Amino acid sequence: MSGPYPIPTGSQINQFEKLGHPGRYFDAVSINNTTLELTGSNYGYGAILVGESSAVGTVILSGGGSVNLAHLTVGQIYEISPRSVTVNAKTVYVFKRQQ
């Protein structure tokens, strides 16, 4: 056992379920050469990061409007509310936020 909380085994609730996820984001998806809809089971993604320069694509925002991926800085996390992300030939990451 390490730390103040025991490591669960078997059917016990895991630490993440019991204590919550640490940090601002707890899931990430990489997108390349596709469109990802961020509704339904993909709901909750609230940040985006362009992983490679010259990314071509568009982020459609949940409240309307869009952002051209080519106008975003590589390596910077943008806390926006995407409804869908379309990417051609480069990698973009979306992160699911704590709520």
N, C-alpha and C. Protein backbone atom coordinates (compact mmCIF):
# COMPACT_ATOMS: atom_id res chain seq x y z
N MET A 1 0.85 -1.16 0.00
CA MET A 1 0.00 0.00 0.00
C MET A 1 0.90 1.23 0.00
N SER A 2 0.60 2.17 -0.88
CA SER A 2 1.37 3.41 -0.90
C SER A 2 0.41 4.58 -0.81
N GLY A 3 0.81 5.64 -0.16
CA GLY A 3 -0.03 6.81 -0.02
C GLY A 3 -1.13 6.59 1.01
N PRO A 4 -1.99 7.59 1.20
CA PRO A 4 -3.01 7.51 2.24
C PRO A 4 -4.22 6.66 1.88
N TYR A 5 -4.35 6.26 0.62
CA TYR A 5 -5.51 5.50 0.19
C TYR A 5 -5.09 4.13 -0.30
N PRO A 6 -5.77 3.09 0.13
CA PRO A 6 -5.41 1.75 -0.34
C PRO A 6 -5.73 1.58 -1.82
N ILE A 7 -4.96 0.75 -2.47
CA ILE A 7 -5.22 0.43 -3.88
C ILE A 7 -6.35 -0.59 -3.92
N PRO A 8 -7.48 -0.25 -4.55
CA PRO A 8 -8.62 -1.17 -4.57
C PRO A 8 -8.34 -2.43 -5.38
N THR A 9 -8.98 -3.48 -5.00
CA THR A 9 -8.87 -4.74 -5.73
C THR A 9 -10.27 -5.28 -5.98
N GLY A 10 -10.39 -6.17 -6.95
CA GLY A 10 -11.66 -6.83 -7.23
C GLY A 10 -12.77 -5.85 -7.55
N SER A 11 -13.87 -5.97 -6.82
CA SER A 11 -15.05 -5.16 -7.13
C SER A 11 -15.06 -3.83 -6.37
N GLN A 12 -14.02 -3.54 -5.62
CA GLN A 12 -13.98 -2.28 -4.89
C GLN A 12 -13.99 -1.10 -5.86
N ILE A 13 -14.53 0.02 -5.41
CA ILE A 13 -14.54 1.24 -6.21
C ILE A 13 -13.09 1.71 -6.37
N ASN A 14 -12.71 2.08 -7.60
CA ASN A 14 -11.33 2.54 -7.78
C ASN A 14 -11.17 3.97 -7.26
N GLN A 15 -9.95 4.39 -7.07
CA GLN A 15 -9.66 5.71 -6.51
C GLN A 15 -10.26 6.83 -7.34
N PHE A 16 -10.28 6.70 -8.64
CA PHE A 16 -10.82 7.75 -9.49
C PHE A 16 -12.33 7.91 -9.28
N GLU A 17 -13.03 6.78 -9.11
CA GLU A 17 -14.46 6.84 -8.85
C GLU A 17 -14.74 7.39 -7.45
N LYS A 18 -13.90 7.03 -6.50
CA LYS A 18 -14.11 7.42 -5.11
C LYS A 18 -13.71 8.88 -4.86
N LEU A 19 -12.55 9.27 -5.37
CA LEU A 19 -11.99 10.58 -5.06
C LEU A 19 -12.12 11.59 -6.18
N GLY A 20 -12.45 11.12 -7.38
CA GLY A 20 -12.52 12.00 -8.54
C GLY A 20 -11.21 11.99 -9.31
N HIS A 21 -11.25 12.52 -10.50
CA HIS A 21 -10.06 12.59 -11.34
C HIS A 21 -9.26 13.84 -10.98
N PRO A 22 -7.97 13.71 -10.77
CA PRO A 22 -7.16 14.90 -10.52
C PRO A 22 -6.89 15.63 -11.84
N GLY A 23 -6.60 16.88 -11.75
CA GLY A 23 -6.29 17.64 -12.95
C GLY A 23 -7.51 18.22 -13.64
N ARG A 24 -7.27 19.03 -14.62
CA ARG A 24 -8.34 19.73 -15.35
C ARG A 24 -8.99 18.84 -16.40
N TYR A 25 -8.21 17.94 -17.01
CA TYR A 25 -8.72 17.07 -18.08
C TYR A 25 -8.52 15.62 -17.66
N PHE A 26 -9.43 14.73 -18.10
CA PHE A 26 -9.28 13.33 -17.71
C PHE A 26 -9.41 12.36 -18.88
N ASP A 27 -9.53 12.88 -20.10
CA ASP A 27 -9.58 12.01 -21.26
C ASP A 27 -9.11 12.81 -22.47
N ALA A 28 -8.52 12.14 -23.43
CA ALA A 28 -8.05 12.80 -24.64
C ALA A 28 -8.29 11.89 -25.83
N VAL A 29 -8.57 12.51 -26.97
CA VAL A 29 -8.75 11.79 -28.22
C VAL A 29 -7.91 12.49 -29.28
N SER A 30 -7.17 11.72 -30.07
CA SER A 30 -6.44 12.31 -31.19
C SER A 30 -7.27 12.13 -32.45
N ILE A 31 -7.25 13.17 -33.28
CA ILE A 31 -8.04 13.19 -34.51
C ILE A 31 -7.08 13.43 -35.67
N ASN A 32 -7.18 12.63 -36.73
CA ASN A 32 -6.33 12.78 -37.90
C ASN A 32 -7.08 12.22 -39.11
N ASN A 33 -7.25 13.05 -40.13
CA ASN A 33 -7.92 12.63 -41.37
C ASN A 33 -9.36 12.15 -41.16
N THR A 34 -10.09 12.83 -40.30
CA THR A 34 -11.47 12.44 -40.05
C THR A 34 -12.24 13.60 -39.43
N THR A 35 -13.52 13.39 -39.24
CA THR A 35 -14.38 14.31 -38.50
C THR A 35 -14.86 13.59 -37.26
N LEU A 36 -14.74 14.23 -36.12
CA LEU A 36 -15.22 13.67 -34.86
C LEU A 36 -16.34 14.55 -34.34
N GLU A 37 -17.52 13.95 -34.16
CA GLU A 37 -18.66 14.64 -33.57
C GLU A 37 -18.54 14.53 -32.06
N LEU A 38 -18.65 15.65 -31.37
CA LEU A 38 -18.45 15.68 -29.93
C LEU A 38 -19.78 15.88 -29.20
N THR A 39 -20.75 15.06 -29.58
CA THR A 39 -22.06 15.06 -28.96
C THR A 39 -22.35 13.63 -28.52
N GLY A 40 -23.46 13.42 -27.86
CA GLY A 40 -23.82 12.07 -27.43
C GLY A 40 -22.77 11.49 -26.50
N SER A 41 -22.27 10.31 -26.81
CA SER A 41 -21.28 9.66 -25.94
C SER A 41 -19.94 10.39 -25.94
N ASN A 42 -19.72 11.29 -26.89
CA ASN A 42 -18.49 12.08 -26.92
C ASN A 42 -18.66 13.45 -26.28
N TYR A 43 -19.77 13.68 -25.57
CA TYR A 43 -20.03 14.97 -24.94
C TYR A 43 -19.02 15.23 -23.81
N GLY A 44 -18.63 16.47 -23.64
CA GLY A 44 -17.80 16.87 -22.50
C GLY A 44 -16.40 17.33 -22.87
N TYR A 45 -16.04 17.26 -24.13
CA TYR A 45 -14.72 17.73 -24.54
C TYR A 45 -14.74 19.24 -24.59
N GLY A 46 -13.81 19.88 -23.86
CA GLY A 46 -13.85 21.32 -23.71
C GLY A 46 -12.52 21.99 -23.94
N ALA A 47 -11.62 21.34 -24.66
CA ALA A 47 -10.33 21.95 -24.99
C ALA A 47 -9.76 21.26 -26.21
N ILE A 48 -8.91 21.99 -26.93
CA ILE A 48 -8.32 21.45 -28.16
C ILE A 48 -6.86 21.89 -28.24
N LEU A 49 -6.04 21.03 -28.81
CA LEU A 49 -4.62 21.32 -29.01
C LEU A 49 -4.23 20.85 -30.40
N VAL A 50 -3.64 21.73 -31.19
CA VAL A 50 -3.12 21.36 -32.51
C VAL A 50 -1.74 20.76 -32.29
N GLY A 51 -1.55 19.52 -32.71
CA GLY A 51 -0.31 18.81 -32.43
C GLY A 51 0.77 18.97 -33.48
N GLU A 52 0.41 19.41 -34.67
CA GLU A 52 1.39 19.53 -35.76
C GLU A 52 1.14 20.82 -36.52
N SER A 53 2.21 21.39 -37.04
CA SER A 53 2.05 22.62 -37.82
C SER A 53 1.34 22.33 -39.14
N SER A 54 0.79 23.35 -39.72
CA SER A 54 0.06 23.27 -40.99
C SER A 54 -1.17 22.39 -40.92
N ALA A 55 -1.79 22.30 -39.74
CA ALA A 55 -3.02 21.52 -39.62
C ALA A 55 -4.10 22.19 -40.46
N VAL A 56 -4.82 21.38 -41.20
CA VAL A 56 -5.91 21.87 -42.04
C VAL A 56 -7.20 21.29 -41.49
N GLY A 57 -8.15 22.14 -41.18
CA GLY A 57 -9.43 21.65 -40.68
C GLY A 57 -10.19 22.76 -39.99
N THR A 58 -11.29 22.35 -39.38
CA THR A 58 -12.21 23.31 -38.76
C THR A 58 -12.77 22.75 -37.47
N VAL A 59 -12.94 23.63 -36.50
CA VAL A 59 -13.65 23.31 -35.27
C VAL A 59 -14.99 24.03 -35.34
N ILE A 60 -16.06 23.29 -35.24
CA ILE A 60 -17.39 23.89 -35.15
C ILE A 60 -17.72 23.98 -33.66
N LEU A 61 -18.06 25.17 -33.19
CA LEU A 61 -18.31 25.39 -31.77
C LEU A 61 -19.74 25.05 -31.39
N SER A 62 -19.93 24.62 -30.15
CA SER A 62 -21.25 24.17 -29.70
C SER A 62 -22.30 25.28 -29.71
N GLY A 63 -21.90 26.53 -29.56
CA GLY A 63 -22.84 27.63 -29.57
C GLY A 63 -22.97 28.30 -30.92
N GLY A 64 -22.28 27.77 -31.93
CA GLY A 64 -22.28 28.37 -33.26
C GLY A 64 -20.91 28.93 -33.59
N GLY A 65 -20.67 29.14 -34.83
CA GLY A 65 -19.38 29.66 -35.28
C GLY A 65 -18.37 28.55 -35.49
N SER A 66 -17.24 28.94 -36.03
CA SER A 66 -16.18 27.96 -36.32
C SER A 66 -14.82 28.61 -36.18
N VAL A 67 -13.81 27.75 -36.05
CA VAL A 67 -12.42 28.19 -35.94
C VAL A 67 -11.60 27.40 -36.95
N ASN A 68 -10.80 28.09 -37.73
CA ASN A 68 -9.89 27.47 -38.69
C ASN A 68 -8.67 26.97 -37.92
N LEU A 69 -8.37 25.68 -38.00
CA LEU A 69 -7.24 25.11 -37.26
C LEU A 69 -5.90 25.75 -37.64
N ALA A 70 -5.78 26.21 -38.88
CA ALA A 70 -4.53 26.83 -39.32
C ALA A 70 -4.23 28.11 -38.57
N HIS A 71 -5.23 28.69 -37.91
CA HIS A 71 -5.04 29.93 -37.17
C HIS A 71 -4.69 29.71 -35.70
N LEU A 72 -4.61 28.45 -35.27
CA LEU A 72 -4.27 28.13 -33.89
C LEU A 72 -2.79 27.81 -33.76
N THR A 73 -2.20 28.15 -32.63
CA THR A 73 -0.78 27.91 -32.37
C THR A 73 -0.56 26.46 -31.95
N VAL A 74 0.42 25.81 -32.58
CA VAL A 74 0.76 24.42 -32.25
C VAL A 74 1.22 24.34 -30.80
N GLY A 75 0.70 23.35 -30.08
CA GLY A 75 1.13 23.10 -28.71
C GLY A 75 0.41 23.91 -27.64
N GLN A 76 -0.48 24.78 -28.02
CA GLN A 76 -1.23 25.58 -27.05
C GLN A 76 -2.63 24.99 -26.88
N ILE A 77 -3.05 24.84 -25.63
CA ILE A 77 -4.40 24.34 -25.36
C ILE A 77 -5.37 25.51 -25.40
N TYR A 78 -6.43 25.33 -26.19
CA TYR A 78 -7.49 26.32 -26.30
C TYR A 78 -8.73 25.76 -25.61
N GLU A 79 -9.19 26.43 -24.59
CA GLU A 79 -10.37 25.98 -23.86
C GLU A 79 -11.61 26.54 -24.55
N ILE A 80 -12.11 25.74 -25.47
CA ILE A 80 -13.30 26.09 -26.24
C ILE A 80 -14.28 24.92 -26.16
N SER A 81 -15.48 25.12 -26.64
CA SER A 81 -16.50 24.09 -26.58
C SER A 81 -16.81 23.58 -27.98
N PRO A 82 -16.06 22.57 -28.44
CA PRO A 82 -16.27 22.07 -29.80
C PRO A 82 -17.48 21.15 -29.90
N ARG A 83 -18.24 21.31 -31.00
CA ARG A 83 -19.32 20.39 -31.33
C ARG A 83 -18.81 19.31 -32.27
N SER A 84 -17.89 19.71 -33.17
CA SER A 84 -17.25 18.74 -34.07
C SER A 84 -15.90 19.31 -34.50
N VAL A 85 -15.00 18.39 -34.84
CA VAL A 85 -13.67 18.77 -35.31
C VAL A 85 -13.39 17.96 -36.57
N THR A 86 -12.99 18.67 -37.63
CA THR A 86 -12.60 18.03 -38.89
C THR A 86 -11.13 18.34 -39.12
N VAL A 87 -10.34 17.29 -39.34
CA VAL A 87 -8.90 17.45 -39.52
C VAL A 87 -8.46 16.68 -40.76
N ASN A 88 -7.59 17.30 -41.55
CA ASN A 88 -7.01 16.65 -42.74
C ASN A 88 -5.51 16.60 -42.60
N ALA A 89 -4.94 15.42 -42.54
CA ALA A 89 -3.51 15.15 -42.68
C ALA A 89 -2.62 15.54 -41.50
N LYS A 90 -3.14 16.07 -40.43
CA LYS A 90 -2.34 16.39 -39.25
C LYS A 90 -3.10 15.93 -38.02
N THR A 91 -2.43 15.92 -36.87
CA THR A 91 -3.06 15.46 -35.64
C THR A 91 -3.49 16.62 -34.76
N VAL A 92 -4.72 16.50 -34.27
CA VAL A 92 -5.29 17.46 -33.33
C VAL A 92 -5.81 16.64 -32.15
N TYR A 93 -5.70 17.18 -30.94
CA TYR A 93 -6.17 16.49 -29.74
C TYR A 93 -7.31 17.28 -29.13
N VAL A 94 -8.33 16.57 -28.65
CA VAL A 94 -9.39 17.19 -27.86
C VAL A 94 -9.35 16.56 -26.48
N PHE A 95 -9.61 17.37 -25.47
CA PHE A 95 -9.52 16.94 -24.09
C PHE A 95 -10.87 17.06 -23.40
N LYS A 96 -11.22 16.04 -22.62
CA LYS A 96 -12.46 16.07 -21.85
C LYS A 96 -12.17 16.71 -20.51
N ARG A 97 -12.98 17.72 -20.20
CA ARG A 97 -12.79 18.51 -18.97
C ARG A 97 -13.51 17.91 -17.78
N GLN A 98 -12.96 18.21 -16.61
CA GLN A 98 -13.69 17.97 -15.37
C GLN A 98 -14.90 18.87 -15.37
N GLN A 99 -16.01 18.44 -14.87
CA GLN A 99 -17.20 19.30 -14.80
C GLN A 99 -17.52 19.65 -13.38
